[in-house]
C-alpha atoms as a PDB file:
ATOM      1  CA  MET A   1     114.956 156.587-158.662  1.00  0.00           C
ATOM      2  CA  LYS A   2     117.495 159.463-157.004  1.00  0.00           C
ATOM      3  CA  ASP A   3     119.672 161.240-159.755  1.00  0.00           C
ATOM      4  CA  TYR A   4     122.780 159.952-157.240  1.00  0.00           C
ATOM      5  CA  GLU A   5     121.695 156.545-157.781  1.00  0.00           C
ATOM      6  CA  ILE A   6     121.550 157.064-161.639  1.00  0.00           C
ATOM      7  CA  GLY A   7     125.164 158.642-161.356  1.00  0.00           C
ATOM      8  CA  GLU A   8     126.159 155.648-159.774  1.00  0.00           C
ATOM      9  CA  LEU A   9     125.045 153.388-162.512  1.00  0.00           C
ATOM     10  CA  VAL A  10     125.874 155.596-165.847  1.00  0.00           C
ATOM     11  CA  GLY A  11     129.278 154.359-167.093  1.00  0.00           C
ATOM     12  CA  ILE A  12     128.991 150.604-166.069  1.00  0.00           C
ATOM     13  CA  PRO A  13     130.298 148.807-169.103  1.00  0.00           C
ATOM     14  CA  TYR A  14     128.429 146.360-171.293  1.00  0.00           C
ATOM     15  CA  SER A  15     128.943 142.945-171.089  1.00  0.00           C
ATOM     16  CA  TYR A  16     127.200 140.152-172.740  1.00  0.00           C
ATOM     17  CA  THR A  17     127.324 138.047-169.974  1.00  0.00           C
ATOM     18  CA  GLY A  18     127.621 140.372-166.704  1.00  0.00           C
ATOM     19  CA  LYS A  19     125.018 140.094-163.965  1.00  0.00           C
ATOM     20  CA  MET A  20     126.682 142.747-161.552  1.00  0.00           C
ATOM     21  CA  PRO A  21     127.767 146.122-161.665  1.00  0.00           C
ATOM     22  CA  GLU A  22     131.473 144.881-161.263  1.00  0.00           C
ATOM     23  CA  GLU A  23     131.111 142.555-164.428  1.00  0.00           C
ATOM     24  CA  GLY A  24     128.868 144.928-166.762  1.00  0.00           C
ATOM     25  CA  PHE A  25     125.526 144.071-168.040  1.00  0.00           C
ATOM     26  CA  ASN A  26     123.577 143.299-171.320  1.00  0.00           C
ATOM     27  CA  CYS A  27     120.377 145.153-171.550  1.00  0.00           C
ATOM     28  CA  TRP A  28     118.099 142.383-169.970  1.00  0.00           C
ATOM     29  CA  GLU A  29     120.622 141.649-166.931  1.00  0.00           C
ATOM     30  CA  PHE A  30     120.532 145.592-166.558  1.00  0.00           C
ATOM     31  CA  LEU A  31     116.761 145.697-166.270  1.00  0.00           C
ATOM     32  CA  ARG A  32     116.853 142.714-164.008  1.00  0.00           C
ATOM     33  CA  TYR A  33     119.286 144.299-161.632  1.00  0.00           C
ATOM     34  CA  VAL A  34     117.817 147.719-161.631  1.00  0.00           C
ATOM     35  CA  GLN A  35     113.981 146.125-160.886  1.00  0.00           C
ATOM     36  CA  ALA A  36     115.223 143.670-157.944  1.00  0.00           C
ATOM     37  CA  ARG A  37     117.629 146.575-156.185  1.00  0.00           C
ATOM     38  CA  TYR A  38     115.343 149.544-156.558  1.00  0.00           C
ATOM     39  CA  TYR A  39     112.065 148.140-157.125  1.00  0.00           C
ATOM     40  CA  ASN A  40     111.919 144.756-155.392  1.00  0.00           C
ATOM     41  CA  ARG A  41     110.717 143.391-158.400  1.00  0.00           C
ATOM     42  CA  ARG A  42     112.061 140.081-159.929  1.00  0.00           C
ATOM     43  CA  LEU A  43     112.308 139.156-163.694  1.00  0.00           C
ATOM     44  CA  PRO A  44     113.232 135.710-164.786  1.00  0.00           C
ATOM     45  CA  VAL A  45     116.941 135.010-165.490  1.00  0.00           C
ATOM     46  CA  ALA A  46     117.551 134.335-169.240  1.00  0.00           C
ATOM     47  CA  ALA A  47     120.462 133.046-171.245  1.00  0.00           C
ATOM     48  CA  LEU A  48     120.091 135.148-174.497  1.00  0.00           C
ATOM     49  CA  ASP A  49     121.938 134.464-177.739  1.00  0.00           C
ATOM     50  CA  GLY A  50     120.379 137.612-179.826  1.00  0.00           C
ATOM     51  CA  SER A  51     117.924 140.047-180.319  1.00  0.00           C
ATOM     52  CA  GLN A  52     115.515 137.140-181.210  1.00  0.00           C
ATOM     53  CA  ASP A  53     115.947 135.453-178.126  1.00  0.00           C
ATOM     54  CA  LEU A  54     115.291 138.969-176.250  1.00  0.00           C
ATOM     55  CA  LEU A  55     111.652 139.023-178.209  1.00  0.00           C
ATOM     56  CA  LYS A  56     111.050 135.936-177.352  1.00  0.00           C
ATOM     57  CA  LEU A  57     111.327 136.464-173.813  1.00  0.00           C
ATOM     58  CA  HIS A  58     109.344 139.768-173.818  1.00  0.00           C
ATOM     59  CA  ILE A  59     106.308 137.706-175.325  1.00  0.00           C
ATOM     60  CA  GLU A  60     106.752 134.773-172.694  1.00  0.00           C
ATOM     61  CA  CYS A  61     106.878 137.210-169.796  1.00  0.00           C
ATOM     62  CA  MET A  62     103.516 138.803-171.333  1.00  0.00           C
ATOM     63  CA  ASP A  63     101.981 135.330-171.722  1.00  0.00           C
ATOM     64  CA  GLN A  64     102.926 134.380-167.777  1.00  0.00           C
ATOM     65  CA  GLY A  65     101.451 137.759-166.766  1.00  0.00           C
ATOM     66  CA  LEU A  66     104.847 138.798-165.327  1.00  0.00           C
ATOM     67  CA  TYR A  67     103.993 142.327-166.567  1.00  0.00           C
ATOM     68  CA  THR A  68     101.473 144.202-168.492  1.00  0.00           C
ATOM     69  CA  MET A  69     101.724 146.740-171.058  1.00  0.00           C
ATOM     70  CA  ILE A  70     100.837 150.445-170.201  1.00  0.00           C
ATOM     71  CA  HIS A  71      98.651 152.319-172.352  1.00  0.00           C
ATOM     72  CA  THR A  72      99.088 155.573-170.690  1.00  0.00           C
ATOM     73  CA  ASP A  73     102.406 157.379-169.554  1.00  0.00           C
ATOM     74  CA  PRO A  74     104.606 155.187-167.821  1.00  0.00           C
ATOM     75  CA  ILE A  75     105.709 155.762-163.963  1.00  0.00           C
ATOM     76  CA  ASP A  76     109.137 155.608-162.551  1.00  0.00           C
ATOM     77  CA  GLY A  77     110.308 152.001-162.669  1.00  0.00           C
ATOM     78  CA  ASP A  78     108.571 150.513-165.616  1.00  0.00           C
ATOM     79  CA  CYS A  79     110.082 148.212-168.169  1.00  0.00           C
ATOM     80  CA  ALA A  80     110.803 150.249-171.776  1.00  0.00           C
ATOM     81  CA  LEU A  81     111.084 147.990-174.784  1.00  0.00           C
ATOM     82  CA  LEU A  82     112.678 149.968-177.327  1.00  0.00           C
ATOM     83  CA  ARG A  83     112.928 149.048-180.993  1.00  0.00           C
ATOM     84  CA  ASP A  84     115.067 150.345-184.019  1.00  0.00           C
ATOM     85  CA  GLY A  85     113.436 148.447-186.680  1.00  0.00           C
ATOM     86  CA  THR A  86     113.234 144.878-185.783  1.00  0.00           C
ATOM     87  CA  ARG A  87     115.978 144.750-182.698  1.00  0.00           C
ATOM     88  CA  PRO A  88     114.381 145.135-179.369  1.00  0.00           C
ATOM     89  CA  HIS A  89     116.102 146.586-176.403  1.00  0.00           C
ATOM     90  CA  VAL A  90     115.121 147.185-172.806  1.00  0.00           C
ATOM     91  CA  GLY A  91     115.671 149.644-170.009  1.00  0.00           C
ATOM     92  CA  VAL A  92     113.938 151.149-167.280  1.00  0.00           C
ATOM     93  CA  TRP A  93     111.821 154.395-167.447  1.00  0.00           C
ATOM     94  CA  LEU A  94     112.605 156.934-164.959  1.00  0.00           C
ATOM     95  CA  GLU A  95     110.823 160.217-164.171  1.00  0.00           C
ATOM     96  CA  ASN A  96     113.843 162.162-163.620  1.00  0.00           C
ATOM     97  CA  ASP A  97     114.518 164.978-165.869  1.00  0.00           C
ATOM     98  CA  HIS A  98     111.126 165.191-167.759  1.00  0.00           C
ATOM     99  CA  GLY A  99     111.407 161.233-168.215  1.00  0.00           C
ATOM    100  CA  GLY A 100     113.458 159.048-170.079  1.00  0.00           C
ATOM    101  CA  VAL A 101     115.047 155.869-170.090  1.00  0.00           C
ATOM    102  CA  LEU A 102     118.228 154.095-168.242  1.00  0.00           C
ATOM    103  CA  HIS A 103     119.839 151.538-170.262  1.00  0.00           C
ATOM    104  CA  CYS A 104     122.656 149.427-171.014  1.00  0.00           C
ATOM    105  CA  MET A 105     123.721 149.764-174.873  1.00  0.00           C
ATOM    106  CA  GLU A 106     126.192 147.346-176.463  1.00  0.00           C
ATOM    107  CA  GLY A 107     129.340 149.153-177.431  1.00  0.00           C
ATOM    108  CA  VAL A 108     128.567 151.897-175.048  1.00  0.00           C
ATOM    109  CA  GLY A 109     127.123 150.549-171.390  1.00  0.00           C
ATOM    110  CA  VAL A 110     124.693 152.376-168.939  1.00  0.00           C
ATOM    111  CA  ILE A 111     123.375 155.556-170.150  1.00  0.00           C
ATOM    112  CA  TRP A 112     120.565 157.908-169.388  1.00  0.00           C
ATOM    113  CA  THR A 113     118.526 158.864-172.489  1.00  0.00           C
ATOM    114  CA  ARG A 114     115.742 161.648-172.051  1.00  0.00           C
ATOM    115  CA  ARG A 115     112.373 160.392-173.929  1.00  0.00           C
ATOM    116  CA  SER A 116     112.949 163.093-176.727  1.00  0.00           C
ATOM    117  CA  GLU A 117     116.479 161.773-177.492  1.00  0.00           C
ATOM    118  CA  LEU A 118     115.677 158.198-178.000  1.00  0.00           C
ATOM    119  CA  LEU A 119     115.048 158.413-181.528  1.00  0.00           C
ATOM    120  CA  ARG A 120     118.493 159.785-181.699  1.00  0.00           C
ATOM    121  CA  TYR A 121     119.985 156.645-180.715  1.00  0.00           C
ATOM    122  CA  GLY A 122     117.706 154.676-183.065  1.00  0.00           C
ATOM    123  CA  TYR A 123     114.827 153.711-180.899  1.00  0.00           C
ATOM    124  CA  GLY A 124     112.001 155.133-182.827  1.00  0.00           C
ATOM    125  CA  ARG A 125     109.494 152.737-181.211  1.00  0.00           C
ATOM    126  CA  ALA A 126     109.072 152.409-177.176  1.00  0.00           C
ATOM    127  CA  SER A 127     106.541 150.601-175.066  1.00  0.00           C
ATOM    128  CA  TYR A 128     106.226 150.449-171.603  1.00  0.00           C
ATOM    129  CA  TYR A 129     105.298 147.587-169.280  1.00  0.00           C
ATOM    130  CA  ARG A 130     104.771 147.341-165.202  1.00  0.00           C
ATOM    131  CA  VAL A 131     105.901 144.292-163.347  1.00  0.00           C
ATOM    132  CA  LYS A 132     103.101 142.710-161.312  1.00  0.00           C
END
């Protein structure tokens, strides 16, 4: 993803129900949007009522073979599953600026976070997945 494309997305507000840049996004819908627009990959539509629904959706995607866990360094466009304790959060891994995650945080909106700064935002655990 090019820097100017990231710049176009950073600052889009968080919206629990939004599915387009004009409406804002939740983290899952933002991941779906980026995967479809920039990488031509499709992820399922899902109505999420909380972090447990996101975790359940993640497990279903794994079980259905929609994506696989990456056991090496992620590459541009891989999905990032971030956790702060038990609450999961998702974004997209980008190789820009030595690597980091573009994601949409509740109360903040779309932000770019370098890998080295994820812990500062409370995301002590990160795992990466590649959409098939």
